[in-house]
Amino acid sequence: MTNKKINIGDWVKVLIAGIDGLYVVESIEDDVYTITQEYKGMSTRGHYSKGSYKHKMELPLKKISKA
């Protein structure tokens, strides 16, 4: 966790093993951050996606850091 304040629209990294890439903060409610990551084109794991799928997570501040 960094000392930088995280706001809606900021890019963040998830501090959980096995979760990679950057996520965008969509909303903040009661110290729970809703973050999303869109899958378009080639992913970091080597597969191609044409859809508009979004991976969504709700996490506390201690599980994310500002990118």
C-alpha atoms as a PDB file:
ATOM      1  CA  MET A   1       0.000   0.000   0.000  1.00  0.00           C
ATOM      2  CA  THR A   2       1.282   3.442  -0.860  1.00  0.00           C
ATOM      3  CA  ASN A   3       0.581   6.744   0.850  1.00  0.00           C
ATOM      4  CA  LYS A   4      -0.972   8.129  -2.339  1.00  0.00           C
ATOM      5  CA  LYS A   5      -4.722   8.683  -2.179  1.00  0.00           C
ATOM      6  CA  ILE A   6      -6.675   6.479  -4.583  1.00  0.00           C
ATOM      7  CA  ASN A   7      -9.613   8.081  -6.394  1.00  0.00           C
ATOM      8  CA  ILE A   8     -12.244   6.919  -8.871  1.00  0.00           C
ATOM      9  CA  GLY A   9     -10.659   6.558 -12.315  1.00  0.00           C
ATOM     10  CA  ASP A  10      -7.165   5.805 -10.972  1.00  0.00           C
ATOM     11  CA  TRP A  11      -5.150   2.806 -12.165  1.00  0.00           C
ATOM     12  CA  VAL A  12      -4.294   0.338  -9.386  1.00  0.00           C
ATOM     13  CA  LYS A  13      -2.407  -2.930  -8.904  1.00  0.00           C
ATOM     14  CA  VAL A  14      -3.906  -5.779  -6.904  1.00  0.00           C
ATOM     15  CA  LEU A  15      -1.713  -7.079  -4.075  1.00  0.00           C
ATOM     16  CA  ILE A  16      -3.014 -10.662  -4.214  1.00  0.00           C
ATOM     17  CA  ALA A  17      -0.882 -13.518  -5.554  1.00  0.00           C
ATOM     18  CA  GLY A  18      -1.994 -14.682  -8.998  1.00  0.00           C
ATOM     19  CA  ILE A  19      -3.790 -11.453  -9.961  1.00  0.00           C
ATOM     20  CA  ASP A  20      -1.866  -9.504 -12.599  1.00  0.00           C
ATOM     21  CA  GLY A  21      -2.373  -6.407 -14.694  1.00  0.00           C
ATOM     22  CA  LEU A  22      -3.766  -2.993 -13.914  1.00  0.00           C
ATOM     23  CA  TYR A  23      -7.328  -2.254 -12.858  1.00  0.00           C
ATOM     24  CA  VAL A  24      -9.397   0.955 -12.918  1.00  0.00           C
ATOM     25  CA  VAL A  25     -11.241   2.108  -9.795  1.00  0.00           C
ATOM     26  CA  GLU A  26     -14.941   2.299 -10.722  1.00  0.00           C
ATOM     27  CA  SER A  27     -16.396   3.207  -7.322  1.00  0.00           C
ATOM     28  CA  ILE A  28     -15.592   3.557  -3.628  1.00  0.00           C
ATOM     29  CA  GLU A  29     -18.220   2.782  -1.016  1.00  0.00           C
ATOM     30  CA  ASP A  30     -17.633   2.267   2.717  1.00  0.00           C
ATOM     31  CA  ASP A  31     -13.871   1.732   2.195  1.00  0.00           C
ATOM     32  CA  VAL A  32     -14.543  -0.988  -0.397  1.00  0.00           C
ATOM     33  CA  TYR A  33     -13.027  -0.301  -3.813  1.00  0.00           C
ATOM     34  CA  THR A  34     -14.762  -1.696  -6.898  1.00  0.00           C
ATOM     35  CA  ILE A  35     -12.144  -2.222  -9.606  1.00  0.00           C
ATOM     36  CA  THR A  36     -12.418  -3.533 -13.158  1.00  0.00           C
ATOM     37  CA  GLN A  37     -10.080  -4.778 -15.862  1.00  0.00           C
ATOM     38  CA  GLU A  38     -11.229  -5.050 -19.481  1.00  0.00           C
ATOM     39  CA  TYR A  39     -10.127  -7.947 -21.662  1.00  0.00           C
ATOM     40  CA  LYS A  40      -9.585  -6.852 -25.266  1.00  0.00           C
ATOM     41  CA  GLY A  41      -7.020  -8.245 -27.649  1.00  0.00           C
ATOM     42  CA  MET A  42      -4.025 -10.257 -26.460  1.00  0.00           C
ATOM     43  CA  SER A  43      -3.874 -10.839 -22.733  1.00  0.00           C
ATOM     44  CA  THR A  44      -0.769 -11.195 -20.601  1.00  0.00           C
ATOM     45  CA  ARG A  45      -1.438 -14.941 -20.568  1.00  0.00           C
ATOM     46  CA  GLY A  46      -1.322 -15.257 -24.347  1.00  0.00           C
ATOM     47  CA  HIS A  47      -4.963 -15.660 -25.374  1.00  0.00           C
ATOM     48  CA  TYR A  48      -6.987 -13.413 -27.673  1.00  0.00           C
ATOM     49  CA  SER A  49     -10.385 -12.030 -26.707  1.00  0.00           C
ATOM     50  CA  LYS A  50     -12.788 -10.163 -29.008  1.00  0.00           C
ATOM     51  CA  GLY A  51     -15.456  -9.570 -26.367  1.00  0.00           C
ATOM     52  CA  SER A  52     -16.084  -6.771 -23.944  1.00  0.00           C
ATOM     53  CA  TYR A  53     -15.681  -8.871 -20.794  1.00  0.00           C
ATOM     54  CA  LYS A  54     -14.710  -6.981 -17.625  1.00  0.00           C
ATOM     55  CA  HIS A  55     -13.160  -8.677 -14.608  1.00  0.00           C
ATOM     56  CA  LYS A  56     -14.630  -6.982 -11.527  1.00  0.00           C
ATOM     57  CA  MET A  57     -13.483  -7.200  -7.911  1.00  0.00           C
ATOM     58  CA  GLU A  58     -14.453  -5.489  -4.681  1.00  0.00           C
ATOM     59  CA  LEU A  59     -11.464  -5.100  -2.358  1.00  0.00           C
ATOM     60  CA  PRO A  60     -10.373  -3.132   0.721  1.00  0.00           C
ATOM     61  CA  LEU A  61      -7.613  -0.519   0.411  1.00  0.00           C
ATOM     62  CA  LYS A  62      -5.012  -2.828   1.968  1.00  0.00           C
ATOM     63  CA  LYS A  63      -5.309  -5.171  -1.055  1.00  0.00           C
ATOM     64  CA  ILE A  64      -4.553  -2.539  -3.730  1.00  0.00           C
ATOM     65  CA  SER A  65      -1.893   0.077  -4.483  1.00  0.00           C
ATOM     66  CA  LYS A  66      -1.867   3.011  -6.872  1.00  0.00           C
ATOM     67  CA  ALA A  67      -0.031   2.274 -10.112  1.00  0.00           C
END
